[in-house]
Amino acid sequence: MERVISISACGSLREDFAPGHIVIPDNIFDNTKNRVRTFFGEGLVAHVGVANPFCPDLSDVVETAVRATGAVTHRGGSFIVIEGPRFSTMAESNAFRAWGMSIIGMTAAPEAFLAREAEMCYATMAHVTDYDVWHESETPVTVEMVIQILNKNTRIAQEAIRNLIRELKGERSCECGSALSSALITDQNVIPAETRSKLDLLVGKYIK
């Protein structure tokens, strides 16, 4: 498998990203605290580049597929990922807006980073379900609100996936497929045999 497309719910931190809209974000702010963020460690260190954590090529295809459904679609914006399972406080929501974040949710980190370490393309189709808790004229987010919007958007997601299947053809031309080529920093002669075996699927082509 070379490509991962995440379909997730998110809250909007911008007035123009309204509930029911779909966002294909182009960056992540990882505000999680207790999640394992890497496959590496235990004697093998890798510093993978994630300046642009979402694959731009795959995001282009996702955007085209979603727009073809007629849904209101936004391309770009930073996705702040929070630990959960609770929703934000008012203070947190307003702080995230002041930081310039566009949408908020509980998925995409560490998934996007793990995908990059696995040299897989990763893109997100984020369905806006609410205005988080910052909006003065809207009801603060609830589970019921999220489920209602997701149910309405199920058809859009299904149609977009069908469009995607028709568009995803040929070899990748992005840099995701060689993300580890310059990321492995540990001398291969000192990598523990157990770690080498455990990560062989990821690094076997780079370690003799």
N, C-alpha and C. Protein backbone atom coordinates (compact mmCIF):
# COMPACT_ATOMS: atom_id res chain seq x y z
N MET A 1 0.85 -1.19 0.00
CA MET A 1 0.00 0.00 0.00
C MET A 1 0.89 1.24 0.00
N GLU A 2 0.59 2.20 -0.87
CA GLU A 2 1.42 3.40 -1.00
C GLU A 2 0.71 4.68 -0.58
N ARG A 3 -0.61 4.65 -0.51
CA ARG A 3 -1.36 5.88 -0.24
C ARG A 3 -2.39 5.66 0.85
N VAL A 4 -2.54 6.65 1.72
CA VAL A 4 -3.54 6.62 2.79
C VAL A 4 -4.37 7.89 2.71
N ILE A 5 -5.69 7.72 2.66
CA ILE A 5 -6.60 8.87 2.66
C ILE A 5 -7.45 8.78 3.92
N SER A 6 -7.30 9.77 4.78
CA SER A 6 -8.04 9.80 6.03
C SER A 6 -9.32 10.61 5.85
N ILE A 7 -10.43 10.07 6.33
CA ILE A 7 -11.70 10.79 6.33
C ILE A 7 -12.07 11.03 7.79
N SER A 8 -12.11 12.29 8.19
CA SER A 8 -12.29 12.57 9.62
C SER A 8 -13.23 13.74 9.85
N ALA A 9 -13.76 13.80 11.06
CA ALA A 9 -14.55 14.94 11.49
C ALA A 9 -13.62 15.99 12.08
N CYS A 10 -14.00 17.24 11.95
CA CYS A 10 -13.19 18.30 12.55
C CYS A 10 -14.08 19.47 12.94
N GLY A 11 -13.57 20.28 13.84
CA GLY A 11 -14.22 21.53 14.18
C GLY A 11 -13.58 22.67 13.40
N SER A 12 -14.33 23.70 13.10
CA SER A 12 -13.81 24.84 12.37
C SER A 12 -13.36 25.93 13.34
N LEU A 13 -12.20 26.51 13.03
CA LEU A 13 -11.70 27.64 13.79
C LEU A 13 -11.74 28.92 12.96
N ARG A 14 -12.45 28.84 11.84
CA ARG A 14 -12.58 29.99 10.93
C ARG A 14 -14.05 30.17 10.55
N GLU A 15 -14.48 31.41 10.45
CA GLU A 15 -15.86 31.72 10.10
C GLU A 15 -16.24 31.13 8.74
N ASP A 16 -15.30 31.16 7.77
CA ASP A 16 -15.63 30.74 6.40
C ASP A 16 -15.59 29.24 6.20
N PHE A 17 -15.11 28.48 7.19
CA PHE A 17 -15.16 27.02 7.12
C PHE A 17 -16.38 26.58 7.93
N ALA A 18 -17.51 26.48 7.27
CA ALA A 18 -18.78 26.25 7.97
C ALA A 18 -19.09 24.76 8.10
N PRO A 19 -19.92 24.40 9.08
CA PRO A 19 -20.35 23.00 9.21
C PRO A 19 -20.95 22.49 7.90
N GLY A 20 -20.53 21.29 7.52
CA GLY A 20 -20.96 20.71 6.25
C GLY A 20 -19.93 20.88 5.14
N HIS A 21 -19.01 21.83 5.30
CA HIS A 21 -17.93 22.01 4.32
C HIS A 21 -16.87 20.93 4.51
N ILE A 22 -16.05 20.77 3.48
CA ILE A 22 -14.95 19.81 3.54
C ILE A 22 -13.64 20.54 3.32
N VAL A 23 -12.65 20.20 4.14
CA VAL A 23 -11.33 20.85 4.09
C VAL A 23 -10.26 19.81 3.78
N ILE A 24 -9.39 20.15 2.82
CA ILE A 24 -8.19 19.35 2.58
C ILE A 24 -7.03 20.19 3.11
N PRO A 25 -6.61 19.96 4.36
CA PRO A 25 -5.58 20.80 4.98
C PRO A 25 -4.21 20.52 4.39
N ASP A 26 -3.29 21.47 4.60
CA ASP A 26 -1.94 21.28 4.09
C ASP A 26 -0.87 21.25 5.18
N ASN A 27 -1.28 21.41 6.45
CA ASN A 27 -0.29 21.30 7.51
C ASN A 27 -0.93 20.87 8.82
N ILE A 28 -0.08 20.50 9.77
CA ILE A 28 -0.52 19.98 11.06
C ILE A 28 0.21 20.69 12.19
N PHE A 29 -0.52 20.98 13.25
CA PHE A 29 0.09 21.37 14.52
C PHE A 29 -0.26 20.26 15.50
N ASP A 30 0.74 19.52 15.92
CA ASP A 30 0.51 18.38 16.80
C ASP A 30 0.48 18.85 18.25
N ASN A 31 -0.72 18.88 18.82
CA ASN A 31 -0.88 19.30 20.21
C ASN A 31 -1.25 18.12 21.11
N THR A 32 -0.93 16.90 20.63
CA THR A 32 -1.17 15.72 21.45
C THR A 32 -0.02 15.55 22.44
N LYS A 33 -0.24 14.71 23.43
CA LYS A 33 0.73 14.58 24.53
C LYS A 33 1.18 13.16 24.80
N ASN A 34 0.35 12.18 24.57
CA ASN A 34 0.65 10.83 25.04
C ASN A 34 0.59 9.78 23.93
N ARG A 35 0.89 10.18 22.70
CA ARG A 35 0.82 9.24 21.59
C ARG A 35 2.22 8.91 21.09
N VAL A 36 2.41 7.67 20.68
CA VAL A 36 3.69 7.26 20.09
C VAL A 36 3.77 7.86 18.69
N ARG A 37 4.82 8.65 18.45
CA ARG A 37 4.90 9.43 17.21
C ARG A 37 5.85 8.84 16.18
N THR A 38 6.49 7.72 16.46
CA THR A 38 7.49 7.19 15.54
C THR A 38 7.58 5.68 15.63
N PHE A 39 8.00 5.06 14.52
CA PHE A 39 8.29 3.64 14.51
C PHE A 39 9.71 3.38 15.04
N PHE A 40 10.53 4.43 15.09
CA PHE A 40 11.94 4.26 15.37
C PHE A 40 12.27 4.37 16.86
N GLY A 41 13.53 4.11 17.16
CA GLY A 41 13.99 4.04 18.54
C GLY A 41 14.67 2.70 18.75
N GLU A 42 15.00 2.39 19.98
CA GLU A 42 15.60 1.09 20.32
C GLU A 42 16.85 0.82 19.48
N GLY A 43 17.68 1.86 19.31
CA GLY A 43 18.94 1.66 18.62
C GLY A 43 18.98 2.07 17.18
N LEU A 44 17.89 2.61 16.66
CA LEU A 44 17.87 3.12 15.29
C LEU A 44 17.10 4.44 15.27
N VAL A 45 17.82 5.51 14.96
CA VAL A 45 17.24 6.85 14.96
C VAL A 45 17.02 7.31 13.52
N ALA A 46 15.84 7.91 13.28
CA ALA A 46 15.53 8.48 11.97
C ALA A 46 14.91 9.85 12.18
N HIS A 47 15.42 10.84 11.46
CA HIS A 47 14.87 12.19 11.50
C HIS A 47 14.19 12.46 10.16
N VAL A 48 12.93 12.08 10.06
CA VAL A 48 12.22 12.21 8.79
C VAL A 48 11.68 13.63 8.64
N GLY A 49 11.73 14.15 7.43
CA GLY A 49 11.23 15.50 7.18
C GLY A 49 9.72 15.54 7.06
N VAL A 50 9.09 16.43 7.83
CA VAL A 50 7.63 16.57 7.78
C VAL A 50 7.22 18.04 7.72
N ALA A 51 8.04 18.86 7.06
CA ALA A 51 7.66 20.27 6.92
C ALA A 51 6.28 20.39 6.27
N ASN A 52 6.01 19.50 5.33
CA ASN A 52 4.71 19.42 4.68
C ASN A 52 4.17 18.01 4.91
N PRO A 53 3.47 17.79 6.03
CA PRO A 53 3.11 16.44 6.43
C PRO A 53 2.08 15.75 5.54
N PHE A 54 1.25 16.53 4.85
CA PHE A 54 0.30 15.94 3.92
C PHE A 54 0.92 15.91 2.53
N CYS A 55 0.80 14.79 1.84
CA CYS A 55 1.35 14.68 0.49
C CYS A 55 0.62 15.66 -0.43
N PRO A 56 1.31 16.62 -1.03
CA PRO A 56 0.63 17.59 -1.89
C PRO A 56 0.01 16.97 -3.13
N ASP A 57 0.67 15.95 -3.70
CA ASP A 57 0.13 15.31 -4.90
C ASP A 57 -1.18 14.57 -4.58
N LEU A 58 -1.18 13.81 -3.49
CA LEU A 58 -2.39 13.09 -3.12
C LEU A 58 -3.48 14.06 -2.70
N SER A 59 -3.11 15.14 -2.03
CA SER A 59 -4.10 16.15 -1.64
C SER A 59 -4.74 16.80 -2.86
N ASP A 60 -3.96 16.98 -3.92
CA ASP A 60 -4.52 17.50 -5.17
C ASP A 60 -5.63 16.59 -5.70
N VAL A 61 -5.36 15.29 -5.69
CA VAL A 61 -6.34 14.33 -6.19
C VAL A 61 -7.58 14.30 -5.30
N VAL A 62 -7.36 14.36 -3.98
CA VAL A 62 -8.49 14.38 -3.04
C VAL A 62 -9.34 15.63 -3.28
N GLU A 63 -8.70 16.77 -3.45
CA GLU A 63 -9.45 18.00 -3.70
C GLU A 63 -10.30 17.88 -4.96
N THR A 64 -9.72 17.39 -6.04
CA THR A 64 -10.46 17.24 -7.30
C THR A 64 -11.64 16.29 -7.12
N ALA A 65 -11.41 15.19 -6.41
CA ALA A 65 -12.47 14.20 -6.20
C ALA A 65 -13.62 14.75 -5.37
N VAL A 66 -13.30 15.55 -4.36
CA VAL A 66 -14.34 16.11 -3.50
C VAL A 66 -15.11 17.21 -4.24
N ARG A 67 -14.38 18.07 -4.94
CA ARG A 67 -15.06 19.14 -5.68
C ARG A 67 -16.03 18.58 -6.72
N ALA A 68 -15.71 17.42 -7.28
CA ALA A 68 -16.57 16.81 -8.29
C ALA A 68 -17.92 16.39 -7.71
N THR A 69 -18.01 16.27 -6.38
CA THR A 69 -19.28 15.91 -5.74
C THR A 69 -20.21 17.11 -5.61
N GLY A 70 -19.66 18.32 -5.80
CA GLY A 70 -20.45 19.53 -5.62
C GLY A 70 -20.41 20.08 -4.20
N ALA A 71 -19.67 19.42 -3.32
CA ALA A 71 -19.58 19.88 -1.93
C ALA A 71 -18.73 21.15 -1.85
N VAL A 72 -19.04 22.00 -0.89
CA VAL A 72 -18.22 23.18 -0.65
C VAL A 72 -16.88 22.71 -0.10
N THR A 73 -15.82 23.03 -0.82
CA THR A 73 -14.50 22.46 -0.53
C THR A 73 -13.47 23.57 -0.34
N HIS A 74 -12.63 23.40 0.67
CA HIS A 74 -11.54 24.35 0.94
C HIS A 74 -10.22 23.61 0.88
N ARG A 75 -9.25 24.20 0.22
CA ARG A 75 -7.91 23.60 0.15
C ARG A 75 -6.94 24.47 0.96
N GLY A 76 -6.21 23.81 1.86
CA GLY A 76 -5.22 24.51 2.67
C GLY A 76 -5.72 24.77 4.07
N GLY A 77 -4.78 25.22 4.91
CA GLY A 77 -5.09 25.49 6.30
C GLY A 77 -4.39 24.51 7.22
N SER A 78 -4.17 24.93 8.44
CA SER A 78 -3.46 24.11 9.43
C SER A 78 -4.46 23.39 10.33
N PHE A 79 -4.22 22.11 10.50
CA PHE A 79 -5.07 21.22 11.29
C PHE A 79 -4.39 21.02 12.64
N ILE A 80 -4.97 21.56 13.71
CA ILE A 80 -4.42 21.31 15.04
C ILE A 80 -5.05 20.05 15.60
N VAL A 81 -4.20 19.13 16.01
CA VAL A 81 -4.66 17.84 16.52
C VAL A 81 -4.51 17.83 18.03
N ILE A 82 -5.61 17.61 18.73
CA ILE A 82 -5.60 17.60 20.19
C ILE A 82 -5.72 16.17 20.70
N GLU A 83 -5.36 15.99 21.95
CA GLU A 83 -5.32 14.66 22.53
C GLU A 83 -6.70 14.02 22.62
N GLY A 84 -7.71 14.80 23.07
CA GLY A 84 -9.00 14.19 23.33
C GLY A 84 -8.92 13.36 24.62
N PRO A 85 -9.96 12.65 24.99
CA PRO A 85 -11.22 12.56 24.26
C PRO A 85 -12.18 13.73 24.48
N ARG A 86 -11.83 14.64 25.37
CA ARG A 86 -12.72 15.77 25.63
C ARG A 86 -12.61 16.79 24.49
N PHE A 87 -13.62 17.66 24.38
CA PHE A 87 -13.56 18.78 23.47
C PHE A 87 -12.77 19.93 24.13
N SER A 88 -12.51 20.98 23.37
CA SER A 88 -11.72 22.11 23.85
C SER A 88 -12.47 22.96 24.87
N THR A 89 -11.71 23.68 25.69
CA THR A 89 -12.29 24.74 26.50
C THR A 89 -12.40 26.00 25.63
N MET A 90 -13.16 26.96 26.07
CA MET A 90 -13.27 28.22 25.33
C MET A 90 -11.91 28.89 25.20
N ALA A 91 -11.13 28.89 26.27
CA ALA A 91 -9.81 29.52 26.25
C ALA A 91 -8.90 28.83 25.23
N GLU A 92 -8.93 27.51 25.20
CA GLU A 92 -8.11 26.76 24.25
C GLU A 92 -8.52 27.07 22.81
N SER A 93 -9.82 27.04 22.57
CA SER A 93 -10.33 27.29 21.22
C SER A 93 -9.92 28.67 20.71
N ASN A 94 -10.04 29.67 21.56
CA ASN A 94 -9.64 31.02 21.17
C ASN A 94 -8.13 31.14 20.97
N ALA A 95 -7.36 30.42 21.78
CA ALA A 95 -5.91 30.42 21.62
C ALA A 95 -5.51 29.80 20.28
N PHE A 96 -6.16 28.70 19.93
CA PHE A 96 -5.84 28.04 18.66
C PHE A 96 -6.16 28.95 17.48
N ARG A 97 -7.24 29.70 17.60
CA ARG A 97 -7.58 30.66 16.54
C ARG A 97 -6.53 31.76 16.45
N ALA A 98 -6.06 32.23 17.60
CA ALA A 98 -5.04 33.28 17.61
C ALA A 98 -3.73 32.77 17.01
N TRP A 99 -3.48 31.47 17.11
CA TRP A 99 -2.27 30.89 16.53
C TRP A 99 -2.37 30.75 15.01
N GLY A 100 -3.56 30.94 14.47
CA GLY A 100 -3.73 30.82 13.03
C GLY A 100 -4.17 29.44 12.56
N MET A 101 -4.65 28.61 13.48
CA MET A 101 -5.13 27.29 13.09
C MET A 101 -6.47 27.41 12.37
N SER A 102 -6.74 26.48 11.47
CA SER A 102 -7.97 26.53 10.66
C SER A 102 -9.02 25.54 11.11
N ILE A 103 -8.59 24.32 11.43
CA ILE A 103 -9.51 23.28 11.87
C ILE A 103 -8.89 22.54 13.04
N ILE A 104 -9.75 21.83 13.79
CA ILE A 104 -9.31 21.13 14.99
C ILE A 104 -9.94 19.76 15.04
N GLY A 105 -9.16 18.77 15.44
CA GLY A 105 -9.70 17.42 15.55
C GLY A 105 -8.78 16.56 16.39
N MET A 106 -9.08 15.26 16.44
CA MET A 106 -8.32 14.33 17.28
C MET A 106 -7.59 13.28 16.47
N THR A 107 -7.62 13.40 15.14
CA THR A 107 -6.90 12.45 14.29
C THR A 107 -6.00 13.22 13.33
N ALA A 108 -5.07 12.52 12.73
CA ALA A 108 -4.06 13.01 11.77
C ALA A 108 -2.68 13.05 12.38
N ALA A 109 -2.57 13.11 13.69
CA ALA A 109 -1.27 12.99 14.35
C ALA A 109 -1.40 11.92 15.45
N PRO A 110 -0.58 10.91 15.40
CA PRO A 110 0.67 10.79 14.62
C PRO A 110 0.52 10.13 13.26
N GLU A 111 -0.71 9.88 12.81
CA GLU A 111 -0.91 9.10 11.58
C GLU A 111 -0.10 9.63 10.40
N ALA A 112 -0.14 10.95 10.19
CA ALA A 112 0.57 11.53 9.05
C ALA A 112 2.08 11.32 9.18
N PHE A 113 2.61 11.41 10.40
CA PHE A 113 4.04 11.25 10.62
C PHE A 113 4.47 9.79 10.45
N LEU A 114 3.64 8.87 10.92
CA LEU A 114 3.94 7.46 10.75
C LEU A 114 3.88 7.07 9.28
N ALA A 115 2.93 7.65 8.56
CA ALA A 115 2.84 7.38 7.12
C ALA A 115 4.10 7.85 6.40
N ARG A 116 4.61 9.02 6.78
CA ARG A 116 5.83 9.52 6.15
C ARG A 116 7.02 8.60 6.46
N GLU A 117 7.10 8.13 7.70
CA GLU A 117 8.18 7.20 8.04
C GLU A 117 8.06 5.89 7.26
N ALA A 118 6.84 5.51 6.92
CA ALA A 118 6.61 4.30 6.13
C ALA A 118 6.67 4.59 4.64
N GLU A 119 7.03 5.82 4.27
CA GLU A 119 7.16 6.26 2.89
C GLU A 119 5.85 6.11 2.12
N MET A 120 4.76 6.40 2.83
CA MET A 120 3.43 6.37 2.23
C MET A 120 2.90 7.79 2.09
N CYS A 121 2.13 8.02 1.05
CA CYS A 121 1.46 9.31 0.88
C CYS A 121 0.27 9.37 1.83
N TYR A 122 0.04 10.54 2.41
CA TYR A 122 -1.06 10.69 3.36
C TYR A 122 -1.78 12.00 3.08
N ALA A 123 -3.10 11.95 3.00
CA ALA A 123 -3.92 13.15 2.82
C ALA A 123 -5.18 13.01 3.64
N THR A 124 -5.76 14.14 4.01
CA THR A 124 -6.97 14.14 4.84
C THR A 124 -8.13 14.84 4.15
N MET A 125 -9.29 14.20 4.21
CA MET A 125 -10.56 14.80 3.81
C MET A 125 -11.31 15.08 5.11
N ALA A 126 -11.24 16.31 5.58
CA ALA A 126 -11.79 16.66 6.89
C ALA A 126 -13.19 17.27 6.73
N HIS A 127 -14.16 16.68 7.38
CA HIS A 127 -15.55 17.13 7.31
C HIS A 127 -15.84 18.04 8.51
N VAL A 128 -16.15 19.28 8.24
CA VAL A 128 -16.43 20.24 9.32
C VAL A 128 -17.80 19.92 9.91
N THR A 129 -17.83 19.66 11.21
CA THR A 129 -19.08 19.32 11.87
C THR A 129 -19.61 20.41 12.79
N ASP A 130 -18.75 21.40 13.12
CA ASP A 130 -19.13 22.38 14.14
C ASP A 130 -18.12 23.53 14.13
N TYR A 131 -18.39 24.55 14.95
CA TYR A 131 -17.47 25.66 15.14
C TYR A 131 -16.70 25.54 16.45
N ASP A 132 -16.42 24.29 16.88
CA ASP A 132 -15.74 24.07 18.14
C ASP A 132 -16.54 24.79 19.24
N VAL A 133 -15.91 25.61 20.09
CA VAL A 133 -16.68 26.30 21.14
C VAL A 133 -16.45 27.81 21.12
N TRP A 134 -15.73 28.32 20.12
CA TRP A 134 -15.36 29.75 20.10
C TRP A 134 -16.46 30.64 19.57
N HIS A 135 -17.36 30.10 18.73
CA HIS A 135 -18.31 30.95 18.00
C HIS A 135 -19.43 31.44 18.92
N GLU A 136 -19.59 32.74 19.01
CA GLU A 136 -20.55 33.32 19.96
C GLU A 136 -22.00 33.07 19.59
N SER A 137 -22.30 32.93 18.30
CA SER A 137 -23.70 32.77 17.88
C SER A 137 -24.06 31.33 17.54
N GLU A 138 -23.12 30.40 17.75
CA GLU A 138 -23.38 28.99 17.47
C GLU A 138 -23.30 28.18 18.76
N THR A 139 -24.05 27.07 18.78
CA THR A 139 -24.05 26.20 19.95
C THR A 139 -22.70 25.47 20.06
N PRO A 140 -22.11 25.41 21.25
CA PRO A 140 -20.86 24.66 21.41
C PRO A 140 -21.01 23.22 20.94
N VAL A 141 -19.93 22.64 20.48
CA VAL A 141 -19.94 21.31 19.89
C VAL A 141 -20.44 20.25 20.87
N THR A 142 -21.23 19.31 20.34
CA THR A 142 -21.68 18.14 21.08
C THR A 142 -21.51 16.91 20.20
N VAL A 143 -21.53 15.73 20.82
CA VAL A 143 -21.43 14.49 20.06
C VAL A 143 -22.59 14.38 19.07
N GLU A 144 -23.80 14.74 19.49
CA GLU A 144 -24.97 14.67 18.62
C GLU A 144 -24.78 15.53 17.38
N MET A 145 -24.23 16.73 17.55
CA MET A 145 -23.98 17.64 16.44
C MET A 145 -23.01 17.01 15.44
N VAL A 146 -21.94 16.43 15.95
CA VAL A 146 -20.94 15.80 15.09
C VAL A 146 -21.56 14.68 14.27
N ILE A 147 -22.33 13.82 14.92
CA ILE A 147 -22.94 12.67 14.24
C ILE A 147 -23.92 13.12 13.17
N GLN A 148 -24.70 14.15 13.43
CA GLN A 148 -25.67 14.64 12.45
C GLN A 148 -25.00 15.08 11.16
N ILE A 149 -23.95 15.86 11.29
CA ILE A 149 -23.24 16.34 10.10
C ILE A 149 -22.56 15.19 9.38
N LEU A 150 -21.95 14.28 10.12
CA LEU A 150 -21.27 13.15 9.48
C LEU A 150 -22.26 12.28 8.71
N ASN A 151 -23.44 12.09 9.25
CA ASN A 151 -24.45 11.31 8.53
C ASN A 151 -24.84 11.99 7.22
N LYS A 152 -24.95 13.32 7.26
CA LYS A 152 -25.29 14.06 6.04
C LYS A 152 -24.16 13.98 5.01
N ASN A 153 -22.93 13.92 5.49
CA ASN A 153 -21.78 13.94 4.59
C ASN A 153 -21.32 12.56 4.14
N THR A 154 -21.96 11.52 4.62
CA THR A 154 -21.56 10.17 4.23
C THR A 154 -21.63 9.97 2.73
N ARG A 155 -22.69 10.46 2.11
CA ARG A 155 -22.84 10.32 0.66
C ARG A 155 -21.70 11.01 -0.07
N ILE A 156 -21.34 12.21 0.40
CA ILE A 156 -20.25 12.96 -0.24
C ILE A 156 -18.95 12.18 -0.15
N ALA A 157 -18.66 11.64 1.04
CA ALA A 157 -17.42 10.89 1.22
C ALA A 157 -17.39 9.67 0.32
N GLN A 158 -18.51 8.95 0.23
CA GLN A 158 -18.56 7.75 -0.61
C GLN A 158 -18.36 8.10 -2.08
N GLU A 159 -19.01 9.16 -2.53
CA GLU A 159 -18.86 9.57 -3.93
C GLU A 159 -17.44 10.04 -4.21
N ALA A 160 -16.86 10.76 -3.26
CA ALA A 160 -15.49 11.25 -3.44
C ALA A 160 -14.50 10.08 -3.54
N ILE A 161 -14.69 9.05 -2.74
CA ILE A 161 -13.81 7.88 -2.79
C ILE A 161 -13.93 7.18 -4.14
N ARG A 162 -15.15 7.09 -4.66
CA ARG A 162 -15.31 6.49 -5.99
C ARG A 162 -14.56 7.31 -7.04
N ASN A 163 -14.64 8.63 -6.93
CA ASN A 163 -13.91 9.50 -7.85
C ASN A 163 -12.40 9.28 -7.71
N LEU A 164 -11.95 9.14 -6.46
CA LEU A 164 -10.53 8.96 -6.19
C LEU A 164 -10.00 7.68 -6.84
N ILE A 165 -10.76 6.63 -6.72
CA ILE A 165 -10.33 5.35 -7.27
C ILE A 165 -10.07 5.46 -8.77
N ARG A 166 -10.90 6.23 -9.44
CA ARG A 166 -10.72 6.40 -10.88
C ARG A 166 -9.49 7.25 -11.20
N GLU A 167 -9.11 8.15 -10.29
CA GLU A 167 -8.03 9.09 -10.56
C GLU A 167 -6.65 8.58 -10.14
N LEU A 168 -6.59 7.69 -9.14
CA LEU A 168 -5.30 7.25 -8.62
C LEU A 168 -4.70 6.18 -9.53
N LYS A 169 -3.87 6.62 -10.44
CA LYS A 169 -3.26 5.72 -11.41
C LYS A 169 -1.77 6.02 -11.53
N GLY A 170 -1.00 5.02 -11.92
CA GLY A 170 0.40 5.23 -12.25
C GLY A 170 1.31 5.34 -11.05
N GLU A 171 2.57 5.57 -11.33
CA GLU A 171 3.59 5.68 -10.31
C GLU A 171 3.53 7.04 -9.61
N ARG A 172 3.98 7.06 -8.37
CA ARG A 172 4.03 8.32 -7.63
C ARG A 172 5.20 9.17 -8.11
N SER A 173 4.98 10.47 -8.14
CA SER A 173 6.06 11.39 -8.51
C SER A 173 6.46 12.29 -7.36
N CYS A 174 5.84 12.10 -6.20
CA CYS A 174 6.14 12.90 -5.01
C CYS A 174 7.39 12.36 -4.31
N GLU A 175 7.79 13.01 -3.23
CA GLU A 175 8.98 12.60 -2.49
C GLU A 175 8.67 11.64 -1.33
N CYS A 176 7.39 11.34 -1.13
CA CYS A 176 7.01 10.49 0.01
C CYS A 176 7.67 9.12 -0.07
N GLY A 177 7.80 8.58 -1.28
CA GLY A 177 8.32 7.23 -1.45
C GLY A 177 9.79 7.07 -1.14
N SER A 178 10.49 8.17 -0.90
CA SER A 178 11.91 8.08 -0.55
C SER A 178 12.22 8.90 0.71
N ALA A 179 11.23 9.02 1.57
CA ALA A 179 11.36 9.87 2.76
C ALA A 179 12.46 9.43 3.70
N LEU A 180 12.78 8.15 3.71
CA LEU A 180 13.81 7.64 4.62
C LEU A 180 15.21 7.65 4.01
N SER A 181 15.32 8.00 2.76
CA SER A 181 16.61 7.89 2.07
C SER A 181 17.70 8.73 2.72
N SER A 182 17.32 9.83 3.32
CA SER A 182 18.31 10.69 3.99
C SER A 182 17.96 10.92 5.46
N ALA A 183 17.12 10.06 6.01
CA ALA A 183 16.63 10.25 7.37
C ALA A 183 17.31 9.37 8.41
N LEU A 184 17.93 8.28 7.98
CA LEU A 184 18.52 7.34 8.93
C LEU A 184 19.89 7.85 9.38
N ILE A 185 20.04 8.09 10.66
CA ILE A 185 21.27 8.71 11.17
C ILE A 185 22.18 7.71 11.89
N THR A 186 21.66 6.60 12.34
CA THR A 186 22.45 5.63 13.10
C THR A 186 23.35 4.81 12.18
N ASP A 187 24.59 4.64 12.58
CA ASP A 187 25.52 3.77 11.85
C ASP A 187 24.92 2.37 11.80
N GLN A 188 24.73 1.83 10.59
CA GLN A 188 24.07 0.55 10.46
C GLN A 188 24.82 -0.60 11.15
N ASN A 189 26.11 -0.40 11.40
CA ASN A 189 26.89 -1.44 12.04
C ASN A 189 26.60 -1.59 13.53
N VAL A 190 25.90 -0.60 14.12
CA VAL A 190 25.61 -0.68 15.55
C VAL A 190 24.11 -0.84 15.84
N ILE A 191 23.32 -1.02 14.79
CA ILE A 191 21.88 -1.22 14.99
C ILE A 191 21.65 -2.61 15.56
N PRO A 192 20.95 -2.74 16.68
CA PRO A 192 20.67 -4.06 17.25
C PRO A 192 19.94 -4.95 16.26
N ALA A 193 20.28 -6.22 16.25
CA ALA A 193 19.68 -7.17 15.31
C ALA A 193 18.16 -7.22 15.46
N GLU A 194 17.69 -7.16 16.70
CA GLU A 194 16.23 -7.21 16.93
C GLU A 194 15.53 -6.01 16.32
N THR A 195 16.13 -4.82 16.46
CA THR A 195 15.54 -3.61 15.89
C THR A 195 15.60 -3.66 14.38
N ARG A 196 16.72 -4.12 13.84
CA ARG A 196 16.86 -4.24 12.39
C ARG A 196 15.77 -5.15 11.82
N SER A 197 15.53 -6.26 12.51
CA SER A 197 14.51 -7.21 12.06
C SER A 197 13.11 -6.60 12.17
N LYS A 198 12.87 -5.92 13.27
CA LYS A 198 11.55 -5.32 13.52
C LYS A 198 11.20 -4.28 12.47
N LEU A 199 12.19 -3.50 12.04
CA LEU A 199 11.94 -2.40 11.10
C LEU A 199 12.36 -2.71 9.67
N ASP A 200 12.61 -3.98 9.39
CA ASP A 200 13.09 -4.36 8.06
C ASP A 200 12.15 -3.92 6.95
N LEU A 201 10.86 -3.99 7.20
CA LEU A 201 9.89 -3.60 6.17
C LEU A 201 10.07 -2.14 5.77
N LEU A 202 10.48 -1.30 6.72
CA LEU A 202 10.68 0.12 6.44
C LEU A 202 12.06 0.44 5.91
N VAL A 203 13.08 -0.20 6.48
CA VAL A 203 14.46 0.24 6.20
C VAL A 203 15.28 -0.78 5.45
N GLY A 204 14.71 -1.93 5.14
CA GLY A 204 15.48 -2.99 4.50
C GLY A 204 16.17 -2.58 3.22
N LYS A 205 15.57 -1.69 2.47
CA LYS A 205 16.19 -1.29 1.20
C LYS A 205 17.34 -0.31 1.39
N TYR A 206 17.47 0.24 2.61
CA TYR A 206 18.53 1.20 2.87
C TYR A 206 19.68 0.62 3.70
N ILE A 207 19.43 -0.48 4.38
CA ILE A 207 20.43 -1.09 5.25
C ILE A 207 20.88 -2.41 4.65
N LYS A 208 22.13 -2.54 4.39
CA LYS A 208 22.66 -3.75 3.77
C LYS A 208 22.76 -4.89 4.79
